[in-house]
N, C-alpha and C. Protein backbone atom coordinates (compact mmCIF):
# COMPACT_ATOMS: atom_id res chain seq x y z
N MET A 1 115.55 -119.81 -45.89
CA MET A 1 115.61 -119.73 -47.31
C MET A 1 113.73 -119.61 -47.27
N ALA A 2 113.60 -118.17 -48.68
CA ALA A 2 112.81 -118.08 -48.94
C ALA A 2 111.84 -118.84 -49.48
N ASN A 3 110.24 -118.60 -49.43
CA ASN A 3 109.55 -119.28 -49.91
C ASN A 3 108.39 -118.68 -50.35
N TYR A 4 107.89 -118.40 -51.65
CA TYR A 4 106.91 -117.52 -52.02
C TYR A 4 105.49 -117.61 -51.15
N PHE A 5 105.04 -119.27 -51.54
CA PHE A 5 103.58 -119.36 -50.47
C PHE A 5 104.06 -119.58 -48.84
N HIS A 6 104.78 -119.48 -48.48
CA HIS A 6 104.99 -119.58 -46.47
C HIS A 6 105.03 -118.23 -46.37
N ASP A 7 105.30 -117.52 -47.49
CA ASP A 7 105.37 -115.63 -47.23
C ASP A 7 104.65 -115.35 -47.13
N ASN A 8 103.66 -115.47 -47.71
CA ASN A 8 102.16 -114.78 -48.38
C ASN A 8 101.16 -115.49 -47.40
N PRO A 9 100.79 -115.01 -46.29
CA PRO A 9 99.62 -115.31 -45.37
C PRO A 9 98.55 -115.50 -46.28
N ASP A 10 98.51 -114.88 -46.78
CA ASP A 10 96.97 -114.74 -47.60
C ASP A 10 96.68 -116.11 -48.55
N LEU A 11 98.10 -116.54 -49.30
CA LEU A 11 97.82 -117.85 -50.13
C LEU A 11 97.78 -118.89 -49.42
N LYS A 12 98.15 -119.20 -48.13
CA LYS A 12 97.66 -120.17 -47.19
C LYS A 12 96.50 -119.99 -46.57
N PHE A 13 95.96 -118.72 -46.22
CA PHE A 13 94.87 -118.75 -45.70
C PHE A 13 93.71 -119.01 -46.77
N THR A 14 93.43 -118.62 -47.92
CA THR A 14 93.08 -119.41 -49.37
C THR A 14 92.92 -120.78 -49.04
N LEU A 15 93.90 -121.72 -49.16
CA LEU A 15 94.51 -122.96 -49.18
C LEU A 15 93.32 -123.58 -47.96
N GLU A 16 93.74 -123.11 -46.82
CA GLU A 16 93.14 -123.82 -45.83
C GLU A 16 91.65 -123.34 -45.39
N ASN A 17 91.05 -122.62 -45.90
CA ASN A 17 89.76 -121.71 -45.66
C ASN A 17 88.60 -122.31 -46.94
N LEU A 18 89.29 -122.75 -47.83
CA LEU A 18 88.31 -123.27 -48.85
C LEU A 18 87.87 -124.55 -49.00
N GLU A 19 86.45 -125.06 -49.24
CA GLU A 19 86.01 -126.39 -48.98
C GLU A 19 86.51 -127.03 -50.31
N LEU A 20 88.01 -127.38 -50.46
CA LEU A 20 88.13 -128.31 -51.56
C LEU A 20 88.22 -129.69 -51.79
N ALA A 21 87.67 -130.23 -50.46
CA ALA A 21 87.56 -131.85 -50.72
C ALA A 21 86.63 -131.96 -51.54
N PRO A 22 85.79 -131.65 -51.69
CA PRO A 22 84.59 -131.92 -53.32
C PRO A 22 85.66 -131.76 -54.86
N ILE A 23 85.95 -130.56 -54.76
CA ILE A 23 86.82 -130.18 -55.64
C ILE A 23 87.73 -131.70 -55.81
N SER A 24 88.73 -131.75 -54.95
CA SER A 24 89.79 -132.79 -55.33
C SER A 24 89.05 -134.28 -55.40
N ASP A 25 88.10 -134.77 -54.81
CA ASP A 25 87.20 -135.60 -55.32
C ASP A 25 87.02 -135.80 -57.35
N LEU A 26 86.69 -134.74 -57.56
CA LEU A 26 86.31 -134.87 -58.95
C LEU A 26 87.77 -134.73 -59.57
N ILE A 27 88.74 -133.88 -59.48
CA ILE A 27 89.92 -134.01 -60.20
C ILE A 27 90.54 -135.27 -59.98
N GLU A 28 90.49 -135.87 -59.00
CA GLU A 28 91.30 -137.06 -59.07
C GLU A 28 90.29 -138.33 -59.02
N ASP A 29 89.17 -138.05 -59.90
CA ASP A 29 88.39 -138.99 -60.24
C ASP A 29 87.75 -139.92 -59.06
N GLY A 30 87.80 -139.72 -57.86
CA GLY A 30 87.04 -140.59 -56.96
C GLY A 30 88.48 -141.69 -56.60
N TYR A 31 89.74 -140.96 -56.80
CA TYR A 31 91.11 -141.91 -56.03
C TYR A 31 91.00 -143.10 -57.16
N ARG A 32 90.41 -143.14 -57.91
CA ARG A 32 91.23 -144.84 -58.90
C ARG A 32 92.57 -144.80 -58.94
N ALA A 33 93.51 -143.81 -59.28
CA ALA A 33 94.60 -144.04 -59.44
C ALA A 33 95.17 -144.85 -58.09
N ALA A 34 94.85 -144.66 -57.31
CA ALA A 34 95.35 -145.53 -56.22
C ALA A 34 95.31 -146.81 -55.90
N GLU A 35 94.66 -147.42 -56.99
CA GLU A 35 94.41 -148.68 -57.22
C GLU A 35 95.73 -149.09 -57.87
N LYS A 36 96.31 -148.37 -58.57
CA LYS A 36 97.07 -148.53 -59.51
C LYS A 36 98.57 -148.24 -59.18
N TYR A 37 98.48 -146.98 -58.39
CA TYR A 37 99.68 -146.55 -57.62
C TYR A 37 100.18 -146.16 -56.53
N GLU A 38 101.06 -146.43 -56.05
CA GLU A 38 101.27 -146.20 -54.66
C GLU A 38 101.31 -145.12 -54.10
N THR A 39 101.61 -144.23 -54.67
CA THR A 39 101.82 -142.97 -54.30
C THR A 39 100.67 -141.77 -54.80
N ALA A 40 99.42 -142.45 -55.38
CA ALA A 40 98.48 -141.32 -55.56
C ALA A 40 97.85 -141.58 -54.41
N PRO A 41 97.30 -140.26 -54.11
CA PRO A 41 96.13 -139.94 -53.30
C PRO A 41 94.58 -140.93 -53.20
N ARG A 42 94.99 -141.52 -51.91
CA ARG A 42 93.84 -141.81 -51.47
C ARG A 42 92.28 -141.52 -50.88
N ASP A 43 92.77 -140.71 -50.86
CA ASP A 43 91.42 -139.44 -50.46
C ASP A 43 91.67 -138.20 -50.41
N ALA A 44 90.56 -137.24 -50.03
CA ALA A 44 90.64 -135.81 -49.78
C ALA A 44 91.95 -135.07 -49.00
N THR A 45 92.16 -135.79 -47.99
CA THR A 45 93.27 -135.15 -46.74
C THR A 45 94.50 -135.36 -47.86
N ASP A 46 94.67 -136.56 -48.73
CA ASP A 46 96.03 -136.90 -49.02
C ASP A 46 96.18 -136.46 -49.98
N ALA A 47 94.97 -136.06 -51.00
CA ALA A 47 95.30 -135.36 -52.02
C ALA A 47 95.80 -133.85 -51.81
N LEU A 48 95.08 -133.52 -50.50
CA LEU A 48 95.07 -131.66 -50.20
C LEU A 48 96.46 -131.41 -49.61
N ASP A 49 96.80 -132.53 -49.41
CA ASP A 49 98.51 -132.80 -48.75
C ASP A 49 99.12 -132.64 -49.63
N ASN A 50 98.83 -133.82 -50.74
CA ASN A 50 99.53 -133.39 -52.08
C ASN A 50 99.82 -131.98 -52.70
N TYR A 51 98.55 -131.18 -52.59
CA TYR A 51 98.81 -130.16 -53.50
C TYR A 51 99.28 -129.17 -52.67
N ARG A 52 99.59 -129.04 -51.35
CA ARG A 52 100.06 -128.17 -50.26
C ARG A 52 101.30 -128.48 -50.78
N ARG A 53 101.85 -129.51 -50.69
CA ARG A 53 103.75 -129.90 -51.38
C ARG A 53 103.92 -129.14 -52.25
N ALA A 54 102.99 -129.66 -53.47
CA ALA A 54 103.43 -129.13 -54.83
C ALA A 54 103.14 -127.33 -54.64
N LEU A 55 102.57 -126.77 -53.89
CA LEU A 55 102.49 -125.22 -53.81
C LEU A 55 103.99 -124.65 -52.81
N GLU A 56 104.05 -125.69 -51.79
CA GLU A 56 105.67 -125.17 -51.16
C GLU A 56 106.75 -125.67 -52.09
N VAL A 57 106.84 -126.32 -53.40
CA VAL A 57 108.14 -126.61 -53.74
C VAL A 57 108.35 -125.47 -55.21
N VAL A 58 106.50 -124.99 -55.60
CA VAL A 58 106.75 -124.00 -56.70
C VAL A 58 107.17 -122.64 -55.62
N GLY A 59 106.13 -122.49 -54.43
CA GLY A 59 106.92 -121.33 -53.86
C GLY A 59 108.22 -121.47 -53.77
N GLU A 60 108.54 -122.25 -53.09
CA GLU A 60 110.64 -122.25 -53.11
C GLU A 60 110.87 -121.80 -54.31
N VAL A 61 110.65 -122.51 -55.89
CA VAL A 61 111.59 -122.16 -56.51
C VAL A 61 110.97 -120.90 -57.24
N CYS A 62 109.86 -120.13 -56.99
CA CYS A 62 109.34 -118.78 -57.23
C CYS A 62 110.21 -117.64 -56.38
N ALA A 63 110.47 -118.22 -55.17
CA ALA A 63 111.46 -117.01 -54.04
C ALA A 63 112.61 -117.25 -54.51
N ASP A 64 113.20 -118.22 -54.91
CA ASP A 64 114.90 -118.70 -55.36
C ASP A 64 115.34 -118.36 -56.49
N ARG A 65 114.32 -118.97 -57.59
CA ARG A 65 114.71 -118.80 -59.00
C ARG A 65 114.43 -117.51 -59.78
N ILE A 66 112.96 -117.16 -59.35
CA ILE A 66 112.50 -116.42 -60.55
C ILE A 66 112.83 -114.63 -59.97
N GLU A 67 112.17 -114.94 -59.07
CA GLU A 67 111.80 -113.38 -58.16
C GLU A 67 113.38 -112.37 -58.15
N PRO A 68 114.55 -113.47 -58.43
CA PRO A 68 116.01 -112.38 -58.08
C PRO A 68 116.13 -112.47 -59.54
N ARG A 69 115.72 -112.95 -60.76
CA ARG A 69 115.68 -112.71 -62.09
C ARG A 69 114.45 -111.74 -62.51
N ALA A 70 113.63 -111.60 -61.72
CA ALA A 70 112.40 -110.84 -62.41
C ALA A 70 112.61 -109.28 -62.87
N ARG A 71 113.57 -108.62 -62.11
CA ARG A 71 113.73 -107.22 -62.64
C ARG A 71 114.72 -106.79 -63.89
N THR A 72 115.48 -108.19 -64.24
CA THR A 72 116.01 -108.20 -65.69
C THR A 72 115.16 -108.28 -66.52
N VAL A 73 114.59 -109.39 -66.37
CA VAL A 73 113.98 -109.71 -67.44
C VAL A 73 112.91 -108.58 -68.01
């Protein structure tokens, strides 16, 4: 199964080599949502894992749904 995220090493390299922990701390507002919601990220590692999972899903949608229709659009 194709996946635009996994099939592009530049995207993976960028995600893995940027220092995103301080940014995720800001985006997640100090991980306050974890106090209310069981599935909310509890720290930067958890948040970055969630971001990677979201990119994997979007990469799959792009490869399976968007790319095959791109030429006709």
